[in-house]
N, C-alpha and C. Protein backbone atom coordinates (compact mmCIF):
# COMPACT_ATOMS: atom_id res chain seq x y z
N UNK A 1 44.31 -1.33 21.95
CA UNK A 1 44.29 -2.83 22.92
C UNK A 1 43.14 -3.82 21.87
N UNK A 2 42.45 -2.90 21.52
CA UNK A 2 40.92 -4.08 20.65
C UNK A 2 41.71 -4.84 19.45
N UNK A 3 42.83 -3.77 19.07
CA UNK A 3 43.40 -4.65 17.72
C UNK A 3 44.42 -5.83 18.05
N UNK A 4 44.92 -5.57 19.36
CA UNK A 4 45.77 -7.00 19.87
C UNK A 4 44.53 -7.81 20.89
N UNK A 5 43.85 -7.45 20.63
CA UNK A 5 42.50 -8.65 21.14
C UNK A 5 42.19 -8.95 20.06
N UNK A 6 41.97 -8.67 18.96
CA UNK A 6 41.03 -9.39 17.90
C UNK A 6 42.92 -10.05 17.16
N UNK A 7 43.54 -9.50 16.99
CA UNK A 7 44.56 -10.45 16.46
C UNK A 7 45.05 -11.71 17.74
N UNK A 8 44.74 -11.78 18.71
CA UNK A 8 45.00 -12.79 19.43
C UNK A 8 43.80 -13.47 19.51
N UNK A 9 42.73 -13.08 19.06
CA UNK A 9 41.59 -13.99 18.86
C UNK A 9 41.85 -14.71 17.67
N UNK A 10 42.29 -14.61 16.78
CA UNK A 10 42.84 -14.70 14.93
C UNK A 10 43.95 -15.94 15.40
N UNK A 11 44.57 -15.94 15.93
CA UNK A 11 45.53 -16.65 16.45
C UNK A 11 45.10 -18.04 17.03
N UNK A 12 44.32 -17.59 18.20
CA UNK A 12 43.53 -18.96 18.46
C UNK A 12 42.70 -19.45 17.66
N UNK A 13 41.88 -19.03 16.49
CA UNK A 13 41.15 -19.53 15.91
C UNK A 13 41.81 -20.41 15.00
N UNK A 14 42.73 -19.90 14.48
CA UNK A 14 43.97 -20.81 13.48
C UNK A 14 44.38 -21.85 14.20
N UNK A 15 44.89 -21.75 15.94
CA UNK A 15 45.21 -23.04 16.62
C UNK A 15 44.41 -23.93 16.49
N UNK A 16 42.33 -23.29 16.91
CA UNK A 16 41.59 -24.34 17.01
C UNK A 16 41.07 -25.23 15.91
N UNK A 17 41.78 -24.30 14.66
CA UNK A 17 41.50 -25.42 13.68
C UNK A 17 42.29 -26.68 13.46
N UNK A 18 43.40 -26.41 13.72
CA UNK A 18 44.83 -27.29 13.68
C UNK A 18 44.20 -28.56 14.70
N UNK A 19 43.97 -27.85 15.69
CA UNK A 19 43.44 -28.96 17.49
C UNK A 19 42.81 -30.54 16.92
N UNK A 20 41.73 -30.32 16.30
CA UNK A 20 41.03 -31.39 15.73
C UNK A 20 41.98 -32.70 15.18
N UNK A 21 42.52 -32.10 14.06
CA UNK A 21 43.76 -32.91 13.73
C UNK A 21 44.77 -33.26 14.34
N UNK A 22 45.58 -32.97 15.29
CA UNK A 22 45.73 -33.59 16.07
C UNK A 22 45.25 -34.33 16.81
N UNK A 23 44.50 -34.11 17.50
CA UNK A 23 43.59 -35.18 18.26
C UNK A 23 43.67 -36.21 17.16
N UNK A 24 42.74 -36.36 15.84
CA UNK A 24 42.62 -37.33 15.57
C UNK A 24 43.72 -37.84 15.04
N UNK A 25 45.02 -37.08 14.63
CA UNK A 25 46.17 -37.86 14.51
C UNK A 25 46.59 -38.88 15.77
N UNK A 26 46.46 -38.22 17.08
CA UNK A 26 46.55 -39.00 18.37
C UNK A 26 46.00 -40.25 18.18
N UNK A 27 45.03 -40.15 17.62
CA UNK A 27 43.98 -41.79 18.20
C UNK A 27 43.89 -42.56 16.95
N UNK A 28 44.16 -42.18 15.65
CA UNK A 28 44.17 -42.72 14.72
C UNK A 28 45.37 -42.83 14.15
N UNK A 29 46.35 -43.85 13.80
CA UNK A 29 48.24 -43.84 13.51
C UNK A 29 47.50 -43.63 11.84
N UNK A 30 48.83 -43.03 11.16
CA UNK A 30 48.67 -42.88 9.68
C UNK A 30 48.56 -44.32 9.08
N UNK A 31 48.53 -44.24 7.79
CA UNK A 31 48.40 -45.37 6.81
C UNK A 31 49.90 -45.58 6.49
N UNK A 32 50.30 -46.65 6.26
CA UNK A 32 51.91 -46.64 6.08
C UNK A 32 51.47 -46.58 4.17
N UNK A 33 52.79 -45.60 3.71
CA UNK A 33 52.81 -45.00 2.53
C UNK A 33 52.89 -46.26 1.41
N UNK A 34 51.68 -46.33 0.79
CA UNK A 34 51.71 -47.28 -0.77
C UNK A 34 53.06 -47.08 -1.57
N UNK A 35 53.46 -48.29 -1.84
CA UNK A 35 54.80 -48.41 -2.62
C UNK A 35 54.70 -47.77 -4.29
N UNK A 36 53.59 -47.51 -4.60
CA UNK A 36 53.37 -46.62 -5.85
C UNK A 36 52.01 -45.78 -5.73
N UNK A 37 52.61 -44.85 -6.56
CA UNK A 37 51.79 -43.39 -6.88
C UNK A 37 50.78 -43.83 -7.76
N UNK A 38 49.80 -43.10 -7.40
CA UNK A 38 48.23 -43.03 -8.25
C UNK A 38 48.80 -42.13 -9.78
N UNK A 39 48.25 -42.13 -10.62
CA UNK A 39 48.26 -41.81 -12.01
C UNK A 39 47.75 -40.35 -11.84
N UNK A 40 48.23 -39.63 -12.80
CA UNK A 40 47.63 -38.66 -12.77
C UNK A 40 45.94 -38.05 -12.72
N UNK A 41 45.13 -38.99 -13.50
CA UNK A 41 43.75 -39.27 -13.87
C UNK A 41 42.99 -39.56 -12.03
N UNK A 42 44.02 -40.48 -11.37
CA UNK A 42 43.29 -40.95 -10.52
C UNK A 42 43.36 -39.99 -9.27
N UNK A 43 44.58 -38.69 -9.20
CA UNK A 43 44.53 -38.19 -8.28
C UNK A 43 43.60 -36.82 -9.05
N UNK A 44 43.49 -36.49 -10.08
CA UNK A 44 42.17 -35.52 -10.44
C UNK A 44 41.13 -36.36 -10.05
N UNK A 45 40.70 -37.21 -10.59
CA UNK A 45 39.13 -37.91 -9.68
C UNK A 45 39.16 -37.61 -8.49
N UNK A 46 40.18 -38.38 -7.67
CA UNK A 46 40.35 -38.11 -6.08
C UNK A 46 40.06 -36.96 -5.91
N UNK A 47 40.67 -35.85 -6.02
CA UNK A 47 40.53 -34.48 -5.89
C UNK A 47 39.19 -34.01 -5.80
N UNK A 48 38.48 -34.33 -7.29
CA UNK A 48 36.95 -33.41 -7.48
C UNK A 48 35.96 -34.20 -6.75
N UNK A 49 36.23 -35.35 -6.47
CA UNK A 49 35.01 -36.32 -5.70
C UNK A 49 35.63 -36.13 -4.35
N UNK A 50 36.45 -35.75 -3.61
CA UNK A 50 36.80 -35.06 -2.29
C UNK A 50 36.10 -33.48 -2.37
N UNK A 51 36.48 -32.84 -3.33
CA UNK A 51 35.74 -31.44 -3.03
C UNK A 51 34.33 -31.41 -2.99
N UNK A 52 33.84 -32.63 -3.90
CA UNK A 52 32.22 -32.68 -3.66
C UNK A 52 31.44 -33.45 -2.98
N UNK A 53 32.64 -34.16 -1.98
CA UNK A 53 32.10 -35.19 -0.85
C UNK A 53 31.79 -34.05 -0.04
N UNK A 54 32.65 -32.93 0.47
CA UNK A 54 33.25 -32.50 1.71
C UNK A 54 32.29 -31.02 1.58
N UNK A 55 31.72 -30.63 0.26
CA UNK A 55 30.72 -29.92 0.08
C UNK A 55 29.12 -30.42 0.51
N UNK A 56 29.27 -31.59 -0.01
CA UNK A 56 28.02 -32.64 0.60
C UNK A 56 27.88 -32.43 2.24
N UNK A 57 29.37 -32.60 2.49
CA UNK A 57 28.97 -32.96 3.92
C UNK A 57 28.74 -31.80 4.47
N UNK A 58 29.59 -30.58 3.87
CA UNK A 58 29.28 -29.54 4.85
C UNK A 58 28.09 -28.43 4.95
N UNK A 59 27.41 -29.08 3.84
CA UNK A 59 26.25 -27.86 3.26
C UNK A 59 25.16 -28.03 4.51
N UNK A 60 24.49 -29.20 5.19
CA UNK A 60 23.82 -29.12 5.83
C UNK A 60 24.64 -28.73 7.38
N UNK A 61 25.68 -28.72 7.76
CA UNK A 61 26.15 -28.46 8.93
C UNK A 61 26.13 -26.84 9.00
N UNK A 62 26.41 -26.47 7.49
CA UNK A 62 26.55 -24.58 7.60
C UNK A 62 24.94 -23.92 7.69
N UNK A 63 23.91 -24.88 6.65
CA UNK A 63 22.94 -24.46 6.65
C UNK A 63 22.30 -24.38 7.80
N UNK A 64 22.56 -25.33 8.92
CA UNK A 64 21.85 -25.60 10.08
C UNK A 64 22.33 -24.08 11.26
N UNK A 65 23.84 -23.98 10.78
CA UNK A 65 24.26 -22.87 11.72
C UNK A 65 23.57 -21.62 11.45
N UNK A 66 23.05 -21.11 10.22
CA UNK A 66 22.08 -20.12 9.72
C UNK A 66 20.98 -20.37 9.95
N UNK A 67 20.17 -21.70 10.36
CA UNK A 67 18.91 -21.50 10.25
C UNK A 67 18.39 -21.51 11.80
N UNK A 68 19.63 -22.30 12.73
CA UNK A 68 18.95 -22.61 14.24
C UNK A 68 19.68 -20.90 14.50
N UNK A 69 19.14 -20.20 15.64
CA UNK A 69 19.52 -18.82 15.77
C UNK A 69 20.62 -18.91 16.95
N UNK A 70 20.39 -20.00 17.86
CA UNK A 70 21.54 -20.16 18.87
C UNK A 70 23.01 -20.64 18.07
N UNK A 71 22.55 -21.72 17.30
CA UNK A 71 24.04 -21.74 16.64
C UNK A 71 24.69 -20.45 15.67
N UNK A 72 23.93 -20.07 15.09
CA UNK A 72 24.47 -18.50 14.45
C UNK A 72 25.35 -17.62 15.80
N UNK A 73 24.64 -17.19 16.37
CA UNK A 73 24.67 -16.40 16.95
C UNK A 73 26.33 -16.89 18.45
N UNK A 74 26.09 -18.12 18.96
CA UNK A 74 27.34 -18.80 19.59
C UNK A 74 27.77 -18.96 18.73
N UNK A 75 27.90 -19.76 17.78
CA UNK A 75 29.60 -20.29 16.89
C UNK A 75 29.64 -19.89 15.41
N UNK A 76 28.96 -19.35 14.72
CA UNK A 76 29.33 -18.90 13.26
C UNK A 76 28.86 -16.79 13.54
N UNK A 77 28.11 -16.12 13.80
CA UNK A 77 28.31 -15.13 13.62
C UNK A 77 29.70 -14.29 13.50
N UNK A 78 30.76 -15.12 14.00
CA UNK A 78 31.66 -14.57 13.95
C UNK A 78 32.54 -14.29 12.48
N UNK A 79 31.97 -15.41 11.90
CA UNK A 79 32.77 -15.71 11.07
C UNK A 79 32.40 -14.76 9.68
N UNK A 80 30.98 -14.09 9.95
CA UNK A 80 30.16 -13.13 9.29
C UNK A 80 30.56 -11.35 9.81
N UNK A 81 31.39 -11.49 10.00
CA UNK A 81 31.89 -9.97 10.48
C UNK A 81 32.16 -8.94 9.47
N UNK A 82 32.95 -9.36 9.28
CA UNK A 82 33.45 -8.63 7.69
C UNK A 82 32.93 -8.81 6.49
N UNK A 83 31.99 -7.33 6.18
CA UNK A 83 32.27 -7.32 4.66
C UNK A 83 32.80 -5.97 4.11
N UNK A 84 33.42 -5.72 3.25
CA UNK A 84 33.50 -6.94 2.13
C UNK A 84 34.19 -8.01 2.33
N UNK A 85 34.03 -9.05 2.02
CA UNK A 85 35.52 -10.19 2.58
C UNK A 85 36.46 -10.11 2.73
N UNK A 86 37.53 -10.59 3.08
CA UNK A 86 38.92 -10.69 2.51
C UNK A 86 39.07 -12.36 3.09
N UNK A 87 40.21 -12.67 2.51
CA UNK A 87 40.74 -13.84 2.47
C UNK A 87 41.15 -14.89 3.61
N UNK A 88 41.26 -14.11 5.04
CA UNK A 88 41.29 -13.73 6.20
C UNK A 88 40.22 -14.69 6.97
N UNK A 89 39.38 -14.54 6.24
CA UNK A 89 37.73 -14.89 6.88
C UNK A 89 37.66 -16.24 6.86
N UNK A 90 38.48 -16.78 6.15
CA UNK A 90 38.71 -18.19 6.01
C UNK A 90 38.69 -18.96 7.47
N UNK A 91 39.81 -18.57 7.85
CA UNK A 91 40.13 -18.77 9.53
C UNK A 91 39.43 -18.25 10.57
N UNK A 92 38.35 -17.22 10.05
CA UNK A 92 37.77 -16.22 11.15
C UNK A 92 36.79 -16.65 11.71
N UNK A 93 36.49 -17.97 12.65
CA UNK A 93 35.19 -18.49 13.09
C UNK A 93 35.95 -18.97 14.53
N UNK A 94 34.77 -19.26 15.08
CA UNK A 94 35.03 -20.27 16.57
C UNK A 94 35.41 -21.23 16.83
N UNK A 95 35.92 -21.78 17.71
CA UNK A 95 36.53 -23.32 17.77
C UNK A 95 35.39 -24.27 16.97
N UNK A 96 34.00 -24.38 17.47
CA UNK A 96 32.70 -25.37 17.21
C UNK A 96 32.84 -24.89 15.53
N UNK A 97 32.88 -23.82 14.81
CA UNK A 97 32.72 -23.58 13.37
C UNK A 97 33.86 -24.35 12.97
N UNK A 98 34.83 -23.89 12.99
CA UNK A 98 36.35 -24.49 12.69
C UNK A 98 36.31 -26.07 12.84
N UNK A 99 36.12 -26.69 14.14
CA UNK A 99 36.24 -27.94 14.11
C UNK A 99 35.22 -28.69 13.27
N UNK A 100 34.01 -28.14 12.95
CA UNK A 100 33.05 -28.82 12.14
C UNK A 100 33.71 -29.00 10.82
N UNK A 101 34.35 -27.91 10.44
CA UNK A 101 35.02 -27.63 9.33
C UNK A 101 36.23 -28.76 8.68
N UNK A 102 36.57 -28.88 9.95
CA UNK A 102 38.09 -29.91 9.68
C UNK A 102 37.51 -31.28 9.97
N UNK A 103 36.38 -31.25 10.78
CA UNK A 103 35.54 -32.85 11.00
C UNK A 103 35.13 -33.45 9.96
N UNK A 104 34.36 -32.42 8.43
CA UNK A 104 33.61 -32.68 7.47
C UNK A 104 34.81 -33.14 6.36
N UNK A 105 36.37 -32.45 6.84
CA UNK A 105 37.30 -32.55 5.98
C UNK A 105 38.25 -34.20 6.56
N UNK A 106 37.70 -34.26 7.34
CA UNK A 106 38.49 -35.76 7.78
C UNK A 106 37.72 -36.69 7.43
N UNK A 107 36.29 -37.00 7.62
CA UNK A 107 35.00 -37.35 7.05
C UNK A 107 35.62 -37.99 5.67
N UNK A 108 35.44 -36.76 5.26
CA UNK A 108 35.78 -36.70 3.12
C UNK A 108 37.14 -37.78 3.04
N UNK A 109 37.85 -37.20 3.58
CA UNK A 109 39.16 -38.14 3.31
C UNK A 109 39.34 -39.67 3.91
N UNK A 110 38.50 -39.96 4.67
CA UNK A 110 38.60 -41.15 5.15
C UNK A 110 37.31 -41.82 4.87
N UNK A 111 36.57 -41.26 3.97
CA UNK A 111 35.54 -42.04 3.26
C UNK A 111 36.28 -42.55 2.40
N UNK A 112 36.92 -41.61 1.51
CA UNK A 112 37.38 -41.73 0.49
C UNK A 112 38.82 -42.80 0.61
N UNK A 113 39.55 -42.61 1.28
CA UNK A 113 40.65 -43.78 1.61
C UNK A 113 41.89 -43.28 0.32
N UNK A 114 41.75 -41.88 0.05
CA UNK A 114 42.35 -41.33 -1.27
C UNK A 114 43.97 -41.84 -0.84
N UNK A 115 44.73 -41.84 -1.75
CA UNK A 115 46.17 -42.40 -1.69
C UNK A 115 46.80 -40.47 -1.04
N UNK A 116 48.10 -40.94 -0.23
CA UNK A 116 48.82 -39.81 0.38
C UNK A 116 48.83 -38.66 -0.60
N UNK A 117 49.29 -39.18 -2.04
CA UNK A 117 49.56 -38.24 -2.74
C UNK A 117 48.23 -36.99 -3.04
N UNK A 118 46.92 -37.53 -3.16
CA UNK A 118 45.74 -37.26 -3.40
C UNK A 118 45.61 -36.35 -2.58
N UNK A 119 45.58 -37.13 -1.25
CA UNK A 119 45.30 -36.21 -0.04
C UNK A 119 45.69 -34.74 0.20
N UNK A 120 47.32 -34.72 -0.61
CA UNK A 120 47.81 -33.86 -0.59
C UNK A 120 47.55 -32.58 -1.56
N UNK A 121 47.04 -33.21 -2.57
CA UNK A 121 46.31 -32.16 -3.57
C UNK A 121 45.43 -31.94 -3.64
N UNK A 122 44.36 -32.70 -2.72
CA UNK A 122 42.94 -32.66 -2.36
C UNK A 122 43.21 -31.14 -1.21
N UNK A 123 44.00 -31.21 -0.20
CA UNK A 123 44.85 -30.37 0.82
C UNK A 123 44.65 -29.17 -0.30
N UNK A 124 46.23 -28.78 -0.93
CA UNK A 124 46.36 -28.15 -1.51
C UNK A 124 44.50 -27.38 -2.50
N UNK A 125 44.57 -28.07 -3.02
CA UNK A 125 43.24 -27.30 -4.06
C UNK A 125 41.83 -26.69 -3.19
N UNK A 126 41.64 -27.62 -1.92
CA UNK A 126 40.38 -27.19 -0.98
C UNK A 126 41.04 -26.06 -0.52
N UNK A 127 42.02 -25.95 -0.41
CA UNK A 127 42.85 -24.56 0.52
C UNK A 127 42.75 -23.42 -0.41
N UNK A 128 43.03 -23.43 -1.42
CA UNK A 128 42.77 -22.24 -2.55
C UNK A 128 41.38 -21.95 -2.65
N UNK A 129 40.50 -23.17 -2.99
CA UNK A 129 39.02 -22.98 -3.36
C UNK A 129 38.69 -22.24 -1.79
N UNK A 130 39.02 -22.63 -1.10
CA UNK A 130 38.29 -21.42 0.63
C UNK A 130 38.94 -19.81 0.23
N UNK A 131 40.11 -19.84 0.26
CA UNK A 131 40.43 -18.34 0.28
C UNK A 131 39.84 -17.69 -1.35
N UNK A 132 39.88 -18.62 -2.67
CA UNK A 132 39.04 -18.28 -3.54
C UNK A 132 38.16 -17.61 -3.30
N UNK A 133 37.06 -18.24 -2.37
CA UNK A 133 35.75 -18.25 -2.49
C UNK A 133 35.28 -17.11 -1.41
N UNK A 134 36.40 -16.44 -0.63
CA UNK A 134 36.34 -15.76 0.47
C UNK A 134 37.34 -14.57 0.00
N UNK A 135 37.96 -14.39 -0.99
CA UNK A 135 38.49 -13.29 -1.29
C UNK A 135 37.83 -11.81 -1.78
N UNK A 136 36.55 -12.17 -2.01
CA UNK A 136 35.93 -10.90 -2.82
C UNK A 136 36.13 -10.10 -4.11
N UNK A 137 36.97 -11.19 -4.80
CA UNK A 137 37.02 -11.08 -6.21
C UNK A 137 36.48 -11.64 -7.02
N UNK A 138 36.17 -11.00 -8.81
CA UNK A 138 35.79 -11.87 -9.07
C UNK A 138 36.55 -11.38 -10.66
N UNK A 139 37.75 -12.42 -10.69
CA UNK A 139 38.11 -12.28 -11.46
C UNK A 139 38.04 -13.05 -12.65
N UNK A 140 38.29 -12.91 -14.12
CA UNK A 140 38.12 -14.10 -15.36
C UNK A 140 38.78 -15.32 -15.02
N UNK A 141 40.02 -15.30 -14.27
CA UNK A 141 40.52 -16.31 -14.57
C UNK A 141 40.16 -17.09 -13.21
N UNK A 142 38.88 -17.04 -12.44
CA UNK A 142 38.93 -17.90 -11.06
C UNK A 142 38.09 -19.20 -11.36
N UNK A 143 37.89 -19.86 -10.64
CA UNK A 143 37.48 -21.43 -11.36
C UNK A 143 35.73 -20.90 -11.22
N UNK A 144 35.23 -19.97 -10.60
CA UNK A 144 33.44 -19.91 -10.72
C UNK A 144 33.04 -19.50 -12.23
N UNK A 145 34.40 -18.80 -12.82
CA UNK A 145 34.51 -17.93 -14.20
C UNK A 145 34.83 -19.39 -15.67
N UNK A 146 35.56 -20.34 -14.65
CA UNK A 146 36.38 -21.18 -15.77
C UNK A 146 35.33 -22.29 -16.28
N UNK A 147 34.90 -22.94 -14.88
CA UNK A 147 34.33 -24.09 -14.83
C UNK A 147 33.18 -23.62 -15.30
N UNK A 148 32.49 -24.93 -16.85
CA UNK A 148 31.46 -24.11 -17.07
C UNK A 148 30.19 -24.85 -16.27
N UNK A 149 29.08 -24.10 -16.85
CA UNK A 149 27.26 -24.54 -16.45
C UNK A 149 26.97 -23.97 -14.84
N UNK A 150 27.60 -23.46 -14.60
CA UNK A 150 27.54 -21.89 -13.18
C UNK A 150 27.35 -22.82 -12.27
N UNK A 151 28.43 -24.16 -11.87
CA UNK A 151 27.97 -25.09 -11.00
C UNK A 151 29.17 -24.54 -10.09
N UNK A 152 29.88 -24.08 -9.87
CA UNK A 152 30.60 -22.90 -8.93
C UNK A 152 30.18 -21.82 -8.72
N UNK A 153 29.57 -21.79 -7.11
CA UNK A 153 29.37 -20.21 -6.97
C UNK A 153 30.14 -19.31 -7.09
N UNK A 154 31.55 -19.48 -6.37
CA UNK A 154 32.59 -18.70 -6.54
C UNK A 154 32.33 -17.77 -5.30
N UNK A 155 33.54 -16.56 -5.46
CA UNK A 155 33.31 -15.55 -4.77
C UNK A 155 32.31 -14.41 -4.88
N UNK A 156 31.86 -14.36 -6.03
CA UNK A 156 30.16 -13.66 -6.33
C UNK A 156 29.36 -14.52 -5.36
N UNK A 157 29.21 -15.99 -5.04
CA UNK A 157 27.82 -16.26 -4.76
C UNK A 157 27.96 -15.71 -2.83
N UNK A 158 29.63 -16.18 -2.75
CA UNK A 158 29.80 -16.15 -1.55
C UNK A 158 30.32 -14.58 -0.46
N UNK A 159 30.53 -13.87 -1.61
CA UNK A 159 30.19 -12.17 -0.62
C UNK A 159 28.72 -12.07 -0.53
N UNK A 160 27.84 -12.56 -1.67
CA UNK A 160 26.39 -12.37 -0.93
C UNK A 160 26.09 -13.25 -0.20
N UNK A 161 26.42 -14.48 0.26
CA UNK A 161 26.04 -14.73 1.19
C UNK A 161 26.72 -14.38 2.48
N UNK A 162 27.65 -14.00 2.88
CA UNK A 162 28.19 -12.84 3.63
C UNK A 162 27.53 -11.49 3.96
N UNK A 163 27.17 -11.35 3.06
CA UNK A 163 26.37 -9.67 3.30
C UNK A 163 25.08 -10.35 3.93
N UNK A 164 24.12 -11.16 3.30
CA UNK A 164 22.84 -11.43 3.65
C UNK A 164 22.69 -12.31 4.80
N UNK A 165 23.49 -13.19 4.79
CA UNK A 165 23.49 -14.78 5.17
C UNK A 165 22.11 -15.33 4.78
N UNK A 166 21.65 -15.08 4.02
CA UNK A 166 19.95 -15.64 3.61
C UNK A 166 20.27 -16.59 2.37
N UNK A 167 21.14 -17.16 2.23
CA UNK A 167 21.25 -17.58 0.62
C UNK A 167 22.63 -18.26 0.77
N UNK A 168 22.85 -19.04 -0.13
CA UNK A 168 24.22 -19.65 -0.95
C UNK A 168 24.66 -20.15 0.34
N UNK A 169 24.59 -20.98 1.06
CA UNK A 169 25.46 -21.60 1.62
C UNK A 169 26.56 -22.57 1.19
N UNK A 170 25.84 -23.35 0.16
CA UNK A 170 27.00 -24.34 0.07
C UNK A 170 28.48 -23.25 -0.27
N UNK A 171 29.38 -24.16 0.25
CA UNK A 171 30.78 -23.71 0.23
C UNK A 171 31.33 -23.57 -1.09
N UNK A 172 31.04 -24.23 -2.16
CA UNK A 172 31.69 -24.21 -3.27
C UNK A 172 30.75 -24.32 -4.36
N UNK A 173 30.14 -25.44 -4.26
CA UNK A 173 29.05 -25.96 -5.72
C UNK A 173 27.78 -24.90 -5.61
N UNK A 174 26.83 -25.16 -6.25
CA UNK A 174 25.56 -24.51 -6.89
C UNK A 174 23.99 -25.44 -6.45
N UNK A 175 24.43 -26.46 -6.95
CA UNK A 175 23.29 -27.78 -7.04
C UNK A 175 22.29 -27.34 -5.81
N UNK A 176 22.77 -27.56 -4.26
CA UNK A 176 21.30 -27.45 -3.27
C UNK A 176 21.00 -26.45 -3.05
N UNK A 177 21.97 -25.10 -3.31
CA UNK A 177 21.28 -23.80 -2.81
C UNK A 177 20.19 -23.86 -4.05
N UNK A 178 20.52 -24.29 -5.30
CA UNK A 178 19.42 -23.82 -6.32
C UNK A 178 18.31 -24.81 -6.43
N UNK A 179 18.43 -26.12 -5.96
CA UNK A 179 17.80 -26.94 -5.52
C UNK A 179 16.60 -26.98 -4.51
N UNK A 180 17.11 -25.85 -3.49
CA UNK A 180 16.38 -25.57 -2.36
C UNK A 180 16.04 -24.52 -2.12
N UNK A 181 16.10 -23.55 -3.30
CA UNK A 181 15.59 -22.11 -2.84
C UNK A 181 16.21 -21.28 -2.19
N UNK A 182 17.69 -21.77 -2.03
CA UNK A 182 18.67 -20.82 -1.23
C UNK A 182 19.62 -20.22 -2.62
N UNK A 183 19.45 -20.27 -3.72
CA UNK A 183 20.52 -19.78 -4.78
C UNK A 183 20.80 -18.17 -4.41
N UNK A 184 21.45 -17.80 -5.34
CA UNK A 184 21.59 -16.23 -5.15
C UNK A 184 20.65 -15.30 -5.04
N UNK A 185 19.52 -15.33 -6.09
CA UNK A 185 18.35 -14.49 -6.01
C UNK A 185 17.27 -14.56 -4.91
N UNK A 186 17.61 -15.85 -3.93
CA UNK A 186 16.33 -16.18 -3.31
C UNK A 186 16.66 -15.29 -1.94
N UNK A 187 15.40 -14.46 -0.98
CA UNK A 187 15.32 -14.05 -0.21
C UNK A 187 14.27 -14.48 0.87
N UNK A 188 14.78 -14.50 1.85
CA UNK A 188 13.59 -14.86 2.90
C UNK A 188 13.92 -14.02 4.35
N UNK A 189 12.97 -12.97 4.48
CA UNK A 189 13.01 -12.32 5.81
C UNK A 189 13.19 -12.85 6.87
N UNK A 190 13.83 -12.24 7.58
CA UNK A 190 13.85 -12.69 9.09
C UNK A 190 15.00 -14.02 9.41
N UNK A 191 15.53 -14.54 8.34
CA UNK A 191 16.25 -15.79 8.26
C UNK A 191 17.99 -15.11 7.98
N UNK A 192 19.07 -15.36 8.63
CA UNK A 192 20.32 -15.35 8.35
C UNK A 192 20.66 -16.48 7.01
């Protein structure tokens, strides 16, 4: 009975993830499809800037969910139930937590006003990156091992985040965590 309850809760979380998108679509009609497609480099630049902006917008939200005990207990703790990580943890969250992620995505895409092709590629890439960071694996071909300069935290840092809850609040990048002392080696007692 407990397994059925958890499975139904996971289905509800998945639905909650899509609900803000459906509501947004109901109130803001979609743009007409442009007559010309963007070039390859324009698509790549749009995706890269989109990933960066999403991470910039989501970082303070995620940090607040850990630093404010009420938010963590009531809205974010569910996302941290599993250690080690499994890819399904990407959508294991409360309605509020999932909605905030979707809102960050919607804000990102509307601020940038990307071409629909760039938006589609952005959605593929961000979904892949979210799944990869929650995979619990550290394979040589993963983005954090390919992109130079340790600018991506990847599954290694995110696994540490899920184990301790005290560091590595960036979804993808590392610069805010490192700049504000929340990088992988940082420990502060009594905080999530």
